[in-house]
Amino acid sequence: MAKRNSRARRSIRRKAQSKANNDQQELLPALSSLTELPAFDDVHPTDAQLKAYEDYREDVLAREGSNHELFLGCVVRLDRGFPAVLTAQDVFRAEFAARLTKGDFYRVAVGDWVCVRSPQGHEMGVIEKILPRQSDIARWKGGSRGERQTLAANVDVVLVVQAIEEWRITSGRIARSAVVARDCGARVAVVLTKADLAGAELVEASVTHVREVLGDECPVCVVASAEPMAELSSIADAARRAGGSWGVESVRALVPAGQVGIMLGPSGVGKSTLLNALLGREALQTGSVREVDGVGRHTTVARRMVAIPGAGTIVDEPGLRTLQLVGHERGLAKVFPDIAQAAKACKFRDCTHTHEPGCEVLARFGSQASTVRLDAYLSLANEMRQSAQTLDPDIVL
């Protein structure tokens, strides 16, 4: 009797969950209404991903005697966790094969390449395998027993978007985004927005500051809220004088055709406005600006790929309140290679580079006239040390 009651309760829970999923799917936007999605030829799998796909097709053929319903697909959108998959034939919503739902393997991200089954006569496809990722833009989500959350997969370049604020540019947020991107295998560029609200002097100082922290190799683009405007010429000159580039076209050049980028930044910095400018039309919703601080309101709720005319594809990511650094030491070394190299020669392996005798970092960089770059490195390195100490012992990064 107890077993029958237990089975009945599980059946009720499954039916309730199924109904909830169906209700959610009814609220999802119709894919036919989304004109900004890329075409299949706009995105390109790697040779390793193509081989993994062909190997899986051969395996299915050996097991089932047929693989004609199996296709190569790219996840181009996530609405409330429901993926939209683009194939050479169509774009459709998909669910997950039962064997994928038994672990964390079913957590696809925008940009993932997948093996998807598309049964004839069915509106939904079935994702059967997630192909190996070339890059994985991920953040730590949670406390001592948290997890890595993939924001986007197979990204070539991360565009770190930051509004030029009235008092100073928040280089700490820019630096941590750069560390995450480089650790995950992507290039980094910085896009400074709302230059028209800042003025020439602040724009020049902001570009100079970012280049001082991240180095001259990191591209810095400056854009305004509304272009073109004749009075912006002095601001554009200031951006170029500091070593940055100006305008929407300079951003477009960062993501050439065939490549995928992602915009990372907090809510309200103008990511959707910038994407609309790149698209050349008001395709994406933008929020009003608060008069108190000039910050825009959160508008993006879905992760999605957006095809940019004359360029590649950009992942539109909802604004991130936090971007914790846990286990990103490799990225830190890539963003600050000179300081990381000096740290290897320190007398003590646990040197904090603040006061210890025999510290090579302080010997090489501590006497420089400007310590902005060193301060950024030390702040992020210290955060990662503290984060590692708070993790449960059985957590493997």
Protein backbone atom coordinates (compact mmCIF):
# COMPACT_ATOMS: atom_id res chain seq x y z
CA MET A 1 0.00 0.00 0.00
CA ALA A 2 2.81 2.40 0.93
CA LYS A 3 4.57 1.71 -2.40
CA ARG A 4 1.38 2.36 -4.35
CA ASN A 5 0.86 5.65 -2.50
CA SER A 6 4.46 6.66 -3.20
CA ARG A 7 4.07 5.89 -6.91
CA ALA A 8 0.81 7.85 -6.99
CA ARG A 9 2.47 10.89 -5.40
CA ARG A 10 5.33 10.75 -7.92
CA SER A 11 2.84 10.50 -10.76
CA ILE A 12 0.95 13.55 -9.47
CA ARG A 13 4.21 15.53 -9.18
CA ARG A 14 5.22 14.56 -12.73
CA LYS A 15 1.84 15.63 -14.11
CA ALA A 16 2.00 18.92 -12.20
CA GLN A 17 5.52 19.59 -13.48
CA SER A 18 4.49 18.72 -17.02
CA LYS A 19 1.53 21.11 -16.80
CA ALA A 20 3.77 23.86 -15.42
CA ASN A 21 6.23 23.36 -18.29
CA ASN A 22 3.41 23.48 -20.83
CA ASP A 23 2.04 26.66 -19.24
CA GLN A 24 5.49 28.24 -19.40
CA GLN A 25 5.97 27.26 -23.04
CA GLU A 26 2.68 28.94 -23.94
CA LEU A 27 4.14 32.20 -22.58
CA LEU A 28 7.32 31.97 -24.68
CA PRO A 29 7.65 34.29 -27.67
CA ALA A 30 6.88 32.74 -31.05
CA LEU A 31 10.14 32.08 -32.86
CA SER A 32 8.57 33.27 -36.10
CA SER A 33 8.31 36.75 -34.57
CA LEU A 34 12.03 37.01 -33.77
CA THR A 35 13.65 38.65 -36.76
CA GLU A 36 17.07 39.27 -35.19
CA LEU A 37 18.14 35.61 -34.90
CA PRO A 38 21.19 34.59 -36.97
CA ALA A 39 20.96 32.36 -40.03
CA PHE A 40 22.62 28.96 -39.87
CA ASP A 41 25.44 30.17 -42.14
CA ASP A 42 26.18 33.03 -39.70
CA VAL A 43 27.48 30.63 -37.04
CA HIS A 44 30.18 28.03 -37.52
CA PRO A 45 31.09 24.93 -35.48
CA THR A 46 34.74 24.01 -35.02
CA ASP A 47 36.30 20.98 -36.68
CA ALA A 48 36.30 19.20 -33.30
CA GLN A 49 32.57 19.85 -32.87
CA LEU A 50 31.81 18.62 -36.41
CA LYS A 51 33.77 15.44 -35.73
CA ALA A 52 31.94 14.87 -32.43
CA TYR A 53 28.64 15.32 -34.28
CA GLU A 54 29.56 12.83 -37.02
CA ASP A 55 30.81 10.32 -34.43
CA TYR A 56 27.49 10.54 -32.60
CA ARG A 57 25.55 10.05 -35.83
CA GLU A 58 27.53 6.91 -36.55
CA ASP A 59 26.88 5.65 -33.03
CA VAL A 60 23.13 6.25 -33.41
CA LEU A 61 23.13 4.52 -36.79
CA ALA A 62 24.86 1.47 -35.27
CA ARG A 63 22.40 1.31 -32.36
CA GLU A 64 19.14 2.20 -34.07
CA GLY A 65 19.73 1.44 -37.72
CA SER A 66 18.79 5.00 -38.74
CA ASN A 67 19.91 8.56 -37.99
CA HIS A 68 17.89 10.55 -40.51
CA GLU A 69 16.09 12.51 -37.76
CA LEU A 70 19.35 13.67 -36.15
CA PHE A 71 20.69 17.15 -36.99
CA LEU A 72 23.49 19.52 -36.03
CA GLY A 73 22.07 22.53 -34.20
CA CYS A 74 23.11 25.68 -32.38
CA VAL A 75 21.28 27.00 -29.31
CA VAL A 76 20.45 30.58 -30.28
CA ARG A 77 18.06 31.57 -27.49
CA LEU A 78 17.07 30.65 -23.94
CA ASP A 79 13.70 31.78 -22.54
CA ARG A 80 13.11 30.67 -18.94
CA GLY A 81 15.46 27.76 -19.57
CA PHE A 82 13.71 26.60 -22.75
CA PRO A 83 16.23 26.46 -25.63
CA ALA A 84 15.59 27.47 -29.23
CA VAL A 85 17.76 25.46 -31.61
CA LEU A 86 18.83 26.60 -35.07
CA THR A 87 19.56 23.97 -37.73
CA ALA A 88 20.24 24.20 -41.45
CA GLN A 89 16.57 23.35 -41.99
CA ASP A 90 14.65 25.26 -39.32
CA VAL A 91 14.58 26.85 -35.86
CA PHE A 92 12.47 25.24 -33.13
CA ARG A 93 12.10 24.80 -29.39
CA ALA A 94 13.70 21.71 -27.90
CA GLU A 95 13.58 19.64 -24.75
CA PHE A 96 16.20 17.25 -23.40
CA ALA A 97 16.63 13.53 -23.83
CA ALA A 98 15.87 11.66 -20.62
CA ARG A 99 19.46 10.52 -20.12
CA LEU A 100 20.68 14.14 -20.16
CA THR A 101 18.33 15.20 -17.36
CA LYS A 102 19.94 12.81 -14.87
CA GLY A 103 22.83 15.19 -14.18
CA ASP A 104 24.03 18.70 -14.92
CA PHE A 105 24.77 17.84 -18.54
CA TYR A 106 21.45 19.19 -19.77
CA ARG A 107 22.30 22.77 -18.84
CA VAL A 108 22.89 24.13 -22.30
CA ALA A 109 23.92 27.71 -22.93
CA VAL A 110 23.37 30.08 -25.81
CA GLY A 111 26.07 29.31 -28.36
CA ASP A 112 26.21 25.57 -27.61
CA TRP A 113 26.38 23.20 -30.56
CA VAL A 114 24.18 20.15 -30.05
CA CYS A 115 22.99 16.95 -31.66
CA VAL A 116 19.23 17.38 -31.85
CA ARG A 117 16.56 14.93 -32.94
CA SER A 118 13.71 16.49 -34.91
CA PRO A 119 10.96 13.85 -35.35
CA GLN A 120 8.75 14.44 -38.34
CA GLY A 121 5.40 15.96 -37.37
CA HIS A 122 6.59 17.17 -33.95
CA GLU A 123 6.88 20.85 -33.00
CA MET A 124 9.54 20.18 -30.33
CA GLY A 125 12.97 18.76 -30.94
CA VAL A 126 15.00 16.66 -28.50
CA ILE A 127 18.58 17.57 -27.58
CA GLU A 128 20.52 14.31 -27.28
CA LYS A 129 24.11 15.49 -26.94
CA ILE A 130 25.93 18.75 -26.17
CA LEU A 131 29.08 18.96 -28.25
CA PRO A 132 32.44 19.97 -26.68
CA ARG A 133 32.80 23.69 -26.08
CA GLN A 134 35.60 25.74 -27.54
CA SER A 135 35.10 28.39 -24.86
CA ASP A 136 32.85 28.65 -21.83
CA ILE A 137 32.08 32.12 -20.47
CA ALA A 138 31.10 31.23 -16.91
CA ARG A 139 30.73 32.82 -13.49
CA TRP A 140 30.56 31.41 -9.98
CA LYS A 141 27.00 31.45 -8.70
CA GLY A 142 26.39 30.78 -5.03
CA GLY A 143 28.36 30.59 -1.80
CA SER A 144 30.64 27.91 -0.42
CA ARG A 145 28.82 25.15 -2.32
CA GLY A 146 27.87 27.13 -5.40
CA GLU A 147 28.32 26.22 -9.04
CA ARG A 148 29.64 27.58 -12.28
CA GLN A 149 26.95 29.10 -14.45
CA THR A 150 27.74 29.22 -18.16
CA LEU A 151 26.59 32.54 -19.60
CA ALA A 152 27.45 31.67 -23.21
CA ALA A 153 29.43 28.99 -25.02
CA ASN A 154 31.77 29.07 -28.03
CA VAL A 155 32.32 32.82 -27.81
CA ASP A 156 35.26 34.43 -29.62
CA VAL A 157 35.29 37.86 -28.00
CA VAL A 158 33.81 39.39 -24.83
CA LEU A 159 32.70 43.01 -25.08
CA VAL A 160 32.90 44.47 -21.57
CA VAL A 161 30.33 47.27 -21.60
CA GLN A 162 30.52 50.07 -19.06
CA ALA A 163 28.89 53.49 -18.97
CA ILE A 164 31.21 56.43 -18.40
CA GLU A 165 29.98 57.59 -15.04
CA GLU A 166 29.96 61.14 -13.77
CA TRP A 167 32.71 60.62 -11.22
CA ARG A 168 34.98 57.86 -12.56
CA ILE A 169 35.09 54.74 -14.68
CA THR A 170 34.62 51.58 -12.59
CA SER A 171 37.76 49.80 -13.75
CA GLY A 172 37.38 47.12 -11.06
CA ARG A 173 34.28 45.72 -12.79
CA ILE A 174 35.98 45.96 -16.18
CA ALA A 175 39.09 44.15 -14.92
CA ARG A 176 37.12 41.28 -13.35
CA SER A 177 35.10 40.81 -16.55
CA ALA A 178 38.35 40.69 -18.51
CA VAL A 179 39.76 38.05 -16.13
CA VAL A 180 36.66 35.85 -16.55
CA ALA A 181 36.79 36.20 -20.35
CA ARG A 182 40.49 35.42 -20.71
CA ASP A 183 40.22 32.47 -18.32
CA CYS A 184 37.43 31.05 -20.48
CA GLY A 185 39.41 31.32 -23.71
CA ALA A 186 37.98 34.46 -25.33
CA ARG A 187 39.47 37.77 -26.44
CA VAL A 188 38.52 40.95 -24.57
CA ALA A 189 37.52 44.43 -25.70
CA VAL A 190 36.01 47.30 -23.69
CA VAL A 191 33.09 49.43 -24.88
CA LEU A 192 32.47 52.67 -22.99
CA THR A 193 28.95 54.03 -23.48
CA LYS A 194 27.06 57.30 -22.88
CA ALA A 195 30.01 59.44 -23.90
CA ASP A 196 27.66 62.27 -24.83
CA LEU A 197 26.65 62.57 -21.16
CA ALA A 198 30.25 62.59 -19.96
CA GLY A 199 32.05 65.20 -22.02
CA ALA A 200 35.45 65.19 -23.73
CA GLU A 201 37.62 65.56 -20.62
CA LEU A 202 36.04 62.62 -18.77
CA VAL A 203 36.04 60.46 -21.91
CA GLU A 204 39.77 60.98 -22.41
CA ALA A 205 40.49 60.25 -18.75
CA SER A 206 38.34 57.10 -18.83
CA VAL A 207 40.00 55.64 -21.93
CA THR A 208 43.42 56.40 -20.49
CA HIS A 209 42.47 54.71 -17.22
CA VAL A 210 41.17 51.53 -18.88
CA ARG A 211 44.26 51.23 -21.07
CA GLU A 212 46.47 51.71 -18.03
CA VAL A 213 44.74 48.83 -16.21
CA LEU A 214 44.31 46.36 -19.09
CA GLY A 215 47.24 47.35 -21.28
CA ASP A 216 47.51 48.89 -24.73
CA GLU A 217 46.69 45.60 -26.48
CA CYS A 218 43.07 45.63 -25.24
CA PRO A 219 40.81 47.55 -27.69
CA VAL A 220 38.74 50.35 -26.14
CA CYS A 221 35.75 51.70 -28.09
CA VAL A 222 33.71 54.74 -27.11
CA VAL A 223 30.10 55.28 -28.20
CA ALA A 224 27.40 57.84 -27.53
CA SER A 225 23.73 57.36 -26.71
CA ALA A 226 22.73 59.05 -29.96
CA GLU A 227 24.76 59.29 -33.17
CA PRO A 228 25.57 61.19 -35.26
CA MET A 229 25.69 64.58 -33.59
CA ALA A 230 27.93 67.40 -34.74
CA GLU A 231 28.75 68.40 -31.17
CA LEU A 232 30.27 64.95 -30.52
CA SER A 233 33.31 65.65 -32.69
CA SER A 234 35.33 66.96 -29.73
CA ILE A 235 34.42 63.87 -27.69
CA ALA A 236 35.42 61.57 -30.55
CA ASP A 237 38.75 63.39 -30.84
CA ALA A 238 39.31 62.96 -27.10
CA ALA A 239 38.67 59.21 -27.31
CA ARG A 240 41.13 58.82 -30.19
CA ARG A 241 43.70 61.02 -28.45
CA ALA A 242 43.72 58.62 -25.50
CA GLY A 243 44.23 55.61 -27.79
CA GLY A 244 40.60 54.49 -28.11
CA SER A 245 38.35 54.22 -31.16
CA TRP A 246 35.07 56.00 -31.75
CA GLY A 247 31.57 55.02 -32.80
CA VAL A 248 29.36 52.06 -33.52
CA GLU A 249 31.41 50.98 -36.54
CA SER A 250 34.45 50.47 -34.32
CA VAL A 251 32.37 48.09 -32.19
CA ARG A 252 31.11 46.27 -35.28
CA ALA A 253 34.72 45.65 -36.36
CA LEU A 254 35.42 43.79 -33.10
CA VAL A 255 33.04 40.98 -34.11
CA PRO A 256 33.70 40.17 -37.78
CA ALA A 257 31.49 37.88 -39.85
CA GLY A 258 31.63 34.26 -38.70
CA GLN A 259 32.56 35.13 -35.12
CA VAL A 260 30.49 35.31 -31.94
CA GLY A 261 30.74 37.96 -29.25
CA ILE A 262 28.95 38.55 -25.97
CA MET A 263 28.20 41.80 -24.15
CA LEU A 264 28.90 41.67 -20.42
CA GLY A 265 27.94 44.48 -18.08
CA PRO A 266 25.53 45.46 -15.32
CA SER A 267 21.97 46.56 -16.04
CA GLY A 268 21.47 50.06 -17.33
CA VAL A 269 24.81 50.64 -19.09
CA GLY A 270 23.20 50.77 -22.54
CA LYS A 271 23.78 47.28 -23.98
CA SER A 272 20.37 47.08 -25.70
CA THR A 273 20.73 50.63 -27.02
CA LEU A 274 24.12 49.71 -28.48
CA LEU A 275 22.73 46.55 -30.06
CA ASN A 276 19.91 48.54 -31.66
CA ALA A 277 22.52 50.90 -33.10
CA LEU A 278 24.47 47.94 -34.49
CA LEU A 279 21.28 46.50 -35.97
CA GLY A 280 20.28 49.83 -37.47
CA ARG A 281 16.74 49.57 -36.12
CA GLU A 282 14.85 49.54 -32.82
CA ALA A 283 14.57 45.76 -32.66
CA LEU A 284 15.33 45.33 -28.95
CA GLN A 285 13.43 46.92 -26.08
CA THR A 286 15.22 49.63 -24.13
CA GLY A 287 14.26 51.04 -20.76
CA SER A 288 13.81 54.58 -19.55
CA VAL A 289 16.65 56.39 -17.82
CA ARG A 290 16.43 57.47 -14.19
CA GLU A 291 16.87 61.21 -13.87
CA VAL A 292 18.67 60.81 -10.54
CA ASP A 293 21.75 59.00 -11.87
CA GLY A 294 21.25 58.58 -15.62
CA VAL A 295 21.15 54.79 -15.30
CA GLY A 296 18.90 52.81 -17.63
CA ARG A 297 16.46 50.24 -16.35
CA HIS A 298 16.83 46.47 -16.79
CA THR A 299 15.16 45.33 -20.05
CA THR A 300 16.85 42.14 -21.32
CA VAL A 301 15.30 39.00 -19.82
CA ALA A 302 16.34 36.29 -22.30
CA ARG A 303 19.78 35.18 -23.42
CA ARG A 304 19.81 35.32 -27.19
CA MET A 305 22.00 35.52 -30.25
CA VAL A 306 21.59 38.62 -32.40
CA ALA A 307 22.86 38.73 -35.99
CA ILE A 308 24.67 42.02 -36.73
CA PRO A 309 24.43 43.28 -40.34
CA GLY A 310 27.87 43.41 -41.93
CA ALA A 311 29.46 41.65 -38.96
CA GLY A 312 29.13 38.51 -36.82
CA THR A 313 26.76 37.52 -34.04
CA ILE A 314 26.46 38.97 -30.54
CA VAL A 315 24.94 37.28 -27.48
CA ASP A 316 22.65 39.68 -25.62
CA GLU A 317 23.04 38.87 -21.93
CA PRO A 318 20.84 40.17 -19.08
CA GLY A 319 22.67 42.55 -16.76
CA LEU A 320 24.71 40.85 -14.05
CA ARG A 321 24.51 42.19 -10.51
CA THR A 322 27.57 40.24 -9.39
CA LEU A 323 30.54 38.64 -11.07
CA GLN A 324 32.42 36.67 -8.43
CA LEU A 325 35.98 35.52 -9.08
CA VAL A 326 36.46 31.94 -7.92
CA GLY A 327 39.18 29.83 -9.50
CA HIS A 328 40.10 32.32 -12.23
CA GLU A 329 43.83 32.48 -11.48
CA ARG A 330 44.68 31.53 -15.06
CA GLY A 331 42.62 34.46 -16.36
CA LEU A 332 44.30 36.82 -13.89
CA ALA A 333 47.71 35.75 -15.19
CA LYS A 334 46.59 36.35 -18.80
CA VAL A 335 45.25 39.84 -18.10
CA PHE A 336 48.29 40.84 -16.00
CA PRO A 337 51.11 38.68 -17.46
CA ASP A 338 53.95 40.96 -16.36
CA ILE A 339 52.81 41.03 -12.74
CA ALA A 340 52.01 37.29 -12.68
CA GLN A 341 55.48 36.52 -14.04
CA ALA A 342 57.11 38.63 -11.33
CA ALA A 343 55.01 36.88 -8.67
CA LYS A 344 56.69 33.58 -9.55
CA ALA A 345 59.99 34.99 -8.28
CA CYS A 346 58.68 36.06 -4.86
CA LYS A 347 60.48 34.60 -1.84
CA PHE A 348 57.27 33.19 -0.31
CA ARG A 349 54.78 31.11 -2.30
CA ASP A 350 51.84 32.64 -0.39
CA CYS A 351 53.10 36.20 -0.88
CA THR A 352 50.31 38.79 -0.92
CA HIS A 353 52.60 41.37 -2.61
CA THR A 354 51.80 44.00 -0.01
CA HIS A 355 54.52 43.93 2.67
CA GLU A 356 56.51 40.67 2.56
CA PRO A 357 60.33 40.73 2.31
CA GLY A 358 61.65 39.36 -0.94
CA CYS A 359 58.52 40.30 -2.90
CA GLU A 360 59.49 40.59 -6.55
CA VAL A 361 56.18 42.24 -7.48
CA LEU A 362 56.78 45.16 -5.12
CA ALA A 363 60.42 45.38 -6.23
CA ARG A 364 59.45 45.71 -9.91
CA PHE A 365 56.20 47.64 -9.77
CA GLY A 366 55.81 49.19 -6.33
CA SER A 367 57.89 52.28 -7.10
CA GLN A 368 56.07 53.22 -10.31
CA ALA A 369 54.47 56.65 -10.43
CA SER A 370 51.04 55.09 -11.11
CA THR A 371 49.96 51.93 -9.32
CA VAL A 372 46.47 51.63 -10.87
CA ARG A 373 47.35 48.42 -12.70
CA LEU A 374 49.07 46.88 -9.67
CA ASP A 375 46.19 47.86 -7.38
CA ALA A 376 43.70 46.17 -9.73
CA TYR A 377 45.79 42.98 -9.78
CA LEU A 378 46.22 42.88 -6.01
CA SER A 379 42.51 43.49 -5.38
CA LEU A 380 41.41 40.67 -7.66
CA ALA A 381 44.11 38.28 -6.45
CA ASN A 382 43.13 38.90 -2.84
CA GLU A 383 39.46 38.32 -3.65
CA MET A 384 40.27 34.97 -5.22
CA ARG A 385 42.38 33.91 -2.23
CA GLN A 386 39.53 34.73 0.14
CA SER A 387 36.96 33.01 -2.08
CA ALA A 388 39.04 29.82 -2.19
CA GLN A 389 39.27 29.79 1.61
CA THR A 390 35.49 29.96 2.01
CA LEU A 391 34.74 27.01 -0.29
CA ASP A 392 33.80 23.65 1.19
CA PRO A 393 36.79 21.25 1.09
CA ASP A 394 35.10 18.84 -1.33
CA ILE A 395 34.48 21.51 -4.00
CA VAL A 396 36.73 20.96 -7.02
CA LEU A 397 37.22 24.03 -9.22
